[in-house]
PDB file of N, CA and C in Angstrom:
ATOM      1  N   MET A   1     -20.407  37.036  65.569  1.00  0.00           N
ATOM      2  CA  MET A   1     -20.770  37.738  64.356  1.00  0.00           C
ATOM      3  C   MET A   1     -20.407  39.193  64.498  1.00  0.00           C
ATOM      4  N   ASN A   2     -20.236  39.831  63.382  1.00  0.00           N
ATOM      5  CA  ASN A   2     -19.849  41.220  63.374  1.00  0.00           C
ATOM      6  C   ASN A   2     -20.909  42.032  62.637  1.00  0.00           C
ATOM      7  N   PRO A   3     -22.018  42.392  63.310  1.00  0.00           N
ATOM      8  CA  PRO A   3     -23.122  43.038  62.611  1.00  0.00           C
ATOM      9  C   PRO A   3     -22.836  44.473  62.191  1.00  0.00           C
ATOM     10  N   GLU A   4     -21.800  45.115  62.740  1.00  0.00           N
ATOM     11  CA  GLU A   4     -21.542  46.511  62.414  1.00  0.00           C
ATOM     12  C   GLU A   4     -20.801  46.692  61.106  1.00  0.00           C
ATOM     13  N   GLN A   5     -20.113  45.670  60.638  1.00  0.00           N
ATOM     14  CA  GLN A   5     -19.348  45.785  59.410  1.00  0.00           C
ATOM     15  C   GLN A   5     -20.176  45.264  58.247  1.00  0.00           C
ATOM     16  N   PRO A   6     -20.407  46.079  57.215  1.00  0.00           N
ATOM     17  CA  PRO A   6     -21.215  45.613  56.090  1.00  0.00           C
ATOM     18  C   PRO A   6     -20.513  44.494  55.339  1.00  0.00           C
ATOM     19  N   ILE A   7     -21.292  43.563  54.823  1.00  0.00           N
ATOM     20  CA  ILE A   7     -20.750  42.465  54.042  1.00  0.00           C
ATOM     21  C   ILE A   7     -20.491  42.961  52.633  1.00  0.00           C
ATOM     22  N   GLN A   8     -19.309  42.638  52.139  1.00  0.00           N
ATOM     23  CA  GLN A   8     -18.946  43.062  50.799  1.00  0.00           C
ATOM     24  C   GLN A   8     -19.649  42.214  49.753  1.00  0.00           C
ATOM     25  N   ASP A   9     -19.657  42.721  48.547  1.00  0.00           N
ATOM     26  CA  ASP A   9     -20.170  41.973  47.406  1.00  0.00           C
ATOM     27  C   ASP A   9     -19.330  40.715  47.241  1.00  0.00           C
ATOM     28  N   SER A  10     -19.982  39.587  46.978  1.00  0.00           N
ATOM     29  CA  SER A  10     -19.283  38.305  46.833  1.00  0.00           C
ATOM     30  C   SER A  10     -18.204  38.343  45.771  1.00  0.00           C
ATOM     31  N   SER A  11     -18.372  39.171  44.754  1.00  0.00           N
ATOM     32  CA  SER A  11     -17.382  39.216  43.682  1.00  0.00           C
ATOM     33  C   SER A  11     -16.052  39.780  44.169  1.00  0.00           C
ATOM     34  N   GLU A  12     -16.040  40.483  45.281  1.00  0.00           N
ATOM     35  CA  GLU A  12     -14.812  41.056  45.829  1.00  0.00           C
ATOM     36  C   GLU A  12     -14.084  40.085  46.752  1.00  0.00           C
ATOM     37  N   LEU A  13     -14.725  38.992  47.118  1.00  0.00           N
ATOM     38  CA  LEU A  13     -14.146  38.056  48.067  1.00  0.00           C
ATOM     39  C   LEU A  13     -13.594  36.825  47.357  1.00  0.00           C
ATOM     40  N   VAL A  14     -12.540  36.246  47.919  1.00  0.00           N
ATOM     41  CA  VAL A  14     -11.978  35.005  47.401  1.00  0.00           C
ATOM     42  C   VAL A  14     -12.443  33.891  48.326  1.00  0.00           C
ATOM     43  N   TRP A  15     -13.339  33.047  47.826  1.00  0.00           N
ATOM     44  CA  TRP A  15     -13.932  31.977  48.623  1.00  0.00           C
ATOM     45  C   TRP A  15     -13.103  30.710  48.494  1.00  0.00           C
ATOM     46  N   ARG A  16     -12.937  30.009  49.619  1.00  0.00           N
ATOM     47  CA  ARG A  16     -12.167  28.753  49.639  1.00  0.00           C
ATOM     48  C   ARG A  16     -12.997  27.666  50.311  1.00  0.00           C
ATOM     49  N   LYS A  17     -12.922  26.479  49.712  1.00  0.00           N
ATOM     50  CA  LYS A  17     -13.617  25.320  50.261  1.00  0.00           C
ATOM     51  C   LYS A  17     -12.567  24.382  50.839  1.00  0.00           C
ATOM     52  N   SER A  18     -12.916  23.699  51.883  1.00  0.00           N
ATOM     53  CA  SER A  18     -12.003  22.764  52.533  1.00  0.00           C
ATOM     54  C   SER A  18     -11.503  21.702  51.568  1.00  0.00           C
ATOM     55  N   SER A  19     -10.238  21.334  51.718  1.00  0.00           N
ATOM     56  CA  SER A  19      -9.686  20.250  50.897  1.00  0.00           C
ATOM     57  C   SER A  19     -10.303  18.909  51.285  1.00  0.00           C
ATOM     58  N   TYR A  20     -10.979  18.853  52.422  1.00  0.00           N
ATOM     59  CA  TYR A  20     -11.666  17.635  52.856  1.00  0.00           C
ATOM     60  C   TYR A  20     -13.025  17.475  52.178  1.00  0.00           C
ATOM     61  N   SER A  21     -13.469  18.497  51.471  1.00  0.00           N
ATOM     62  CA  SER A  21     -14.765  18.442  50.796  1.00  0.00           C
ATOM     63  C   SER A  21     -14.671  17.542  49.582  1.00  0.00           C
ATOM     64  N   GLY A  22     -15.636  16.683  49.446  1.00  0.00           N
ATOM     65  CA  GLY A  22     -15.673  15.799  48.288  1.00  0.00           C
ATOM     66  C   GLY A  22     -16.435  16.443  47.159  1.00  0.00           C
ATOM     67  N   GLY A  23     -16.364  15.862  46.004  1.00  0.00           N
ATOM     68  CA  GLY A  23     -17.080  16.371  44.854  1.00  0.00           C
ATOM     69  C   GLY A  23     -18.459  15.766  44.703  1.00  0.00           C
ATOM     70  N   ASP A  24     -18.930  15.060  45.734  1.00  0.00           N
ATOM     71  CA  ASP A  24     -20.205  14.366  45.636  1.00  0.00           C
ATOM     72  C   ASP A  24     -21.400  15.198  46.081  1.00  0.00           C
ATOM     73  N   GLY A  25     -21.197  16.485  46.341  1.00  0.00           N
ATOM     74  CA  GLY A  25     -22.301  17.357  46.706  1.00  0.00           C
ATOM     75  C   GLY A  25     -22.714  17.291  48.160  1.00  0.00           C
ATOM     76  N   GLY A  26     -21.853  16.823  49.029  1.00  0.00           N
ATOM     77  CA  GLY A  26     -22.158  16.761  50.452  1.00  0.00           C
ATOM     78  C   GLY A  26     -22.199  18.134  51.092  1.00  0.00           C
ATOM     79  N   GLU A  27     -22.538  18.162  52.372  1.00  0.00           N
ATOM     80  CA  GLU A  27     -22.620  19.425  53.087  1.00  0.00           C
ATOM     81  C   GLU A  27     -21.232  20.060  53.165  1.00  0.00           C
ATOM     82  N   CYS A  28     -21.172  21.328  52.859  1.00  0.00           N
ATOM     83  CA  CYS A  28     -19.881  21.998  52.857  1.00  0.00           C
ATOM     84  C   CYS A  28     -20.068  23.498  53.059  1.00  0.00           C
ATOM     85  N   VAL A  29     -19.078  24.116  53.639  1.00  0.00           N
ATOM     86  CA  VAL A  29     -19.061  25.562  53.778  1.00  0.00           C
ATOM     87  C   VAL A  29     -17.833  26.095  53.067  1.00  0.00           C
ATOM     88  N   GLU A  30     -17.909  27.352  52.701  1.00  0.00           N
ATOM     89  CA  GLU A  30     -16.778  28.062  52.119  1.00  0.00           C
ATOM     90  C   GLU A  30     -16.488  29.263  52.994  1.00  0.00           C
ATOM     91  N   VAL A  31     -15.231  29.657  53.043  1.00  0.00           N
ATOM     92  CA  VAL A  31     -14.843  30.836  53.816  1.00  0.00           C
ATOM     93  C   VAL A  31     -14.084  31.808  52.923  1.00  0.00           C
ATOM     94  N   ALA A  32     -14.229  33.080  53.228  1.00  0.00           N
ATOM     95  CA  ALA A  32     -13.473  34.144  52.566  1.00  0.00           C
ATOM     96  C   ALA A  32     -12.881  34.992  53.682  1.00  0.00           C
ATOM     97  N   ALA A  33     -11.566  34.983  53.779  1.00  0.00           N
ATOM     98  CA  ALA A  33     -10.892  35.694  54.868  1.00  0.00           C
ATOM     99  C   ALA A  33     -10.420  37.065  54.406  1.00  0.00           C
ATOM    100  N   GLN A  34     -10.614  38.036  55.272  1.00  0.00           N
ATOM    101  CA  GLN A  34     -10.093  39.384  55.109  1.00  0.00           C
ATOM    102  C   GLN A  34      -9.282  39.676  56.365  1.00  0.00           C
ATOM    103  N   PRO A  35      -8.559  40.758  56.417  1.00  0.00           N
ATOM    104  CA  PRO A  35      -7.725  41.013  57.599  1.00  0.00           C
ATOM    105  C   PRO A  35      -8.478  41.006  58.932  1.00  0.00           C
ATOM    106  N   ALA A  36      -9.675  41.550  58.975  1.00  0.00           N
ATOM    107  CA  ALA A  36     -10.388  41.645  60.252  1.00  0.00           C
ATOM    108  C   ALA A  36     -11.662  40.810  60.312  1.00  0.00           C
ATOM    109  N   THR A  37     -12.039  40.178  59.197  1.00  0.00           N
ATOM    110  CA  THR A  37     -13.318  39.477  59.137  1.00  0.00           C
ATOM    111  C   THR A  37     -13.184  38.191  58.331  1.00  0.00           C
ATOM    112  N   VAL A  38     -13.927  37.173  58.750  1.00  0.00           N
ATOM    113  CA  VAL A  38     -14.033  35.931  57.985  1.00  0.00           C
ATOM    114  C   VAL A  38     -15.502  35.733  57.647  1.00  0.00           C
ATOM    115  N   HIS A  39     -15.785  35.557  56.366  1.00  0.00           N
ATOM    116  CA  HIS A  39     -17.148  35.340  55.893  1.00  0.00           C
ATOM    117  C   HIS A  39     -17.334  33.850  55.646  1.00  0.00           C
ATOM    118  N   VAL A  40     -18.525  33.335  55.952  1.00  0.00           N
ATOM    119  CA  VAL A  40     -18.828  31.909  55.801  1.00  0.00           C
ATOM    120  C   VAL A  40     -20.148  31.789  55.038  1.00  0.00           C
ATOM    121  N   ARG A  41     -20.178  30.855  54.075  1.00  0.00           N
ATOM    122  CA  ARG A  41     -21.407  30.617  53.322  1.00  0.00           C
ATOM    123  C   ARG A  41     -21.545  29.139  53.002  1.00  0.00           C
ATOM    124  N   ASP A  42     -22.742  28.741  52.616  1.00  0.00           N
ATOM    125  CA  ASP A  42     -23.047  27.372  52.197  1.00  0.00           C
ATOM    126  C   ASP A  42     -22.587  27.220  50.750  1.00  0.00           C
ATOM    127  N   SER A  43     -21.736  26.253  50.483  1.00  0.00           N
ATOM    128  CA  SER A  43     -21.204  26.086  49.130  1.00  0.00           C
ATOM    129  C   SER A  43     -22.267  25.649  48.127  1.00  0.00           C
ATOM    130  N   LYS A  44     -23.369  25.096  48.611  1.00  0.00           N
ATOM    131  CA  LYS A  44     -24.436  24.669  47.712  1.00  0.00           C
ATOM    132  C   LYS A  44     -25.421  25.799  47.419  1.00  0.00           C
ATOM    133  N   ASN A  45     -25.327  26.894  48.159  1.00  0.00           N
ATOM    134  CA  ASN A  45     -26.231  28.029  47.972  1.00  0.00           C
ATOM    135  C   ASN A  45     -25.415  29.312  48.122  1.00  0.00           C
ATOM    136  N   VAL A  46     -24.564  29.574  47.153  1.00  0.00           N
ATOM    137  CA  VAL A  46     -23.622  30.691  47.266  1.00  0.00           C
ATOM    138  C   VAL A  46     -24.296  32.056  47.269  1.00  0.00           C
ATOM    139  N   GLN A  47     -25.526  32.131  46.798  1.00  0.00           N
ATOM    140  CA  GLN A  47     -26.258  33.400  46.822  1.00  0.00           C
ATOM    141  C   GLN A  47     -27.074  33.563  48.105  1.00  0.00           C
ATOM    142  N   GLY A  48     -27.073  32.541  48.948  1.00  0.00           N
ATOM    143  CA  GLY A  48     -27.856  32.568  50.179  1.00  0.00           C
ATOM    144  C   GLY A  48     -27.193  33.373  51.287  1.00  0.00           C
ATOM    145  N   ALA A  49     -27.682  33.159  52.472  1.00  0.00           N
ATOM    146  CA  ALA A  49     -27.206  33.897  53.646  1.00  0.00           C
ATOM    147  C   ALA A  49     -25.738  33.603  53.930  1.00  0.00           C
ATOM    148  N   ARG A  50     -25.065  34.611  54.500  1.00  0.00           N
ATOM    149  CA  ARG A  50     -23.665  34.468  54.915  1.00  0.00           C
ATOM    150  C   ARG A  50     -23.534  34.955  56.340  1.00  0.00           C
ATOM    151  N   LEU A  51     -22.558  34.418  57.015  1.00  0.00           N
ATOM    152  CA  LEU A  51     -22.219  34.872  58.355  1.00  0.00           C
ATOM    153  C   LEU A  51     -20.860  35.538  58.302  1.00  0.00           C
ATOM    154  N   SER A  52     -20.642  36.506  59.174  1.00  0.00           N
ATOM    155  CA  SER A  52     -19.349  37.181  59.271  1.00  0.00           C
ATOM    156  C   SER A  52     -18.882  37.155  60.710  1.00  0.00           C
ATOM    157  N   PHE A  53     -17.615  36.844  60.891  1.00  0.00           N
ATOM    158  CA  PHE A  53     -17.008  36.758  62.217  1.00  0.00           C
ATOM    159  C   PHE A  53     -15.735  37.579  62.241  1.00  0.00           C
ATOM    160  N   GLY A  54     -15.419  38.130  63.396  1.00  0.00           N
ATOM    161  CA  GLY A  54     -14.132  38.778  63.577  1.00  0.00           C
ATOM    162  C   GLY A  54     -13.037  37.729  63.505  1.00  0.00           C
ATOM    163  N   SER A  55     -11.817  38.146  63.178  1.00  0.00           N
ATOM    164  CA  SER A  55     -10.739  37.173  63.008  1.00  0.00           C
ATOM    165  C   SER A  55     -10.392  36.448  64.314  1.00  0.00           C
ATOM    166  N   ALA A  56     -10.456  37.118  65.451  1.00  0.00           N
ATOM    167  CA  ALA A  56     -10.146  36.461  66.732  1.00  0.00           C
ATOM    168  C   ALA A  56     -11.185  35.399  67.101  1.00  0.00           C
ATOM    169  N   PRO A  57     -12.486  35.691  67.036  1.00  0.00           N
ATOM    170  CA  PRO A  57     -13.464  34.630  67.312  1.00  0.00           C
ATOM    171  C   PRO A  57     -13.363  33.469  66.321  1.00  0.00           C
ATOM    172  N   TRP A  58     -13.059  33.758  65.063  1.00  0.00           N
ATOM    173  CA  TRP A  58     -12.919  32.681  64.078  1.00  0.00           C
ATOM    174  C   TRP A  58     -11.725  31.798  64.424  1.00  0.00           C
ATOM    175  N   ALA A  59     -10.602  32.415  64.792  1.00  0.00           N
ATOM    176  CA  ALA A  59      -9.415  31.635  65.174  1.00  0.00           C
ATOM    177  C   ALA A  59      -9.710  30.763  66.393  1.00  0.00           C
ATOM    178  N   ALA A  60     -10.477  31.283  67.351  1.00  0.00           N
ATOM    179  CA  ALA A  60     -10.845  30.493  68.532  1.00  0.00           C
ATOM    180  C   ALA A  60     -11.719  29.306  68.117  1.00  0.00           C
ATOM    181  N   PHE A  61     -12.667  29.524  67.208  1.00  0.00           N
ATOM    182  CA  PHE A  61     -13.520  28.443  66.726  1.00  0.00           C
ATOM    183  C   PHE A  61     -12.693  27.374  66.019  1.00  0.00           C
ATOM    184  N   VAL A  62     -11.814  27.785  65.124  1.00  0.00           N
ATOM    185  CA  VAL A  62     -10.986  26.828  64.372  1.00  0.00           C
ATOM    186  C   VAL A  62     -10.101  26.038  65.331  1.00  0.00           C
ATOM    187  N   GLY A  63      -9.530  26.705  66.330  1.00  0.00           N
ATOM    188  CA  GLY A  63      -8.724  26.008  67.328  1.00  0.00           C
ATOM    189  C   GLY A  63      -9.546  24.988  68.096  1.00  0.00           C
ATOM    190  N   PHE A  64     -10.750  25.354  68.479  1.00  0.00           N
ATOM    191  CA  PHE A  64     -11.647  24.439  69.185  1.00  0.00           C
ATOM    192  C   PHE A  64     -12.017  23.252  68.296  1.00  0.00           C
ATOM    193  N   ALA A  65     -12.374  23.536  67.066  1.00  0.00           N
ATOM    194  CA  ALA A  65     -12.784  22.478  66.135  1.00  0.00           C
ATOM    195  C   ALA A  65     -11.625  21.520  65.843  1.00  0.00           C
ATOM    196  N   ALA A  66     -10.402  22.029  65.868  1.00  0.00           N
ATOM    197  CA  ALA A  66      -9.223  21.191  65.610  1.00  0.00           C
ATOM    198  C   ALA A  66      -8.804  20.418  66.857  1.00  0.00           C
ATOM    199  N   GLY A  67      -9.449  20.711  67.986  1.00  0.00           N
ATOM    200  CA  GLY A  67      -9.131  20.005  69.217  1.00  0.00           C
ATOM    201  C   GLY A  67      -7.908  20.521  69.947  1.00  0.00           C
ATOM    202  N   ARG A  68      -7.571  21.763  69.726  1.00  0.00           N
ATOM    203  CA  ARG A  68      -6.402  22.358  70.384  1.00  0.00           C
ATOM    204  C   ARG A  68      -6.773  23.012  71.662  1.00  0.00           C
TER     205      ARG A  68
END
């Protein structure tokens, strides 16, 4: 997480949901990428809490999750 960088207003971010997400309301997250930060939120509660990660830790997580 990157606690030193303030989180921007959601209206300034472009949120994307995985293409693997179904339309049946299952558990899902959305991400909004910026050059140095990736924001993550619950797609079912877009006004709720968000997490922010630096781009390098996020890339490491995605690589791990993809099994690389």
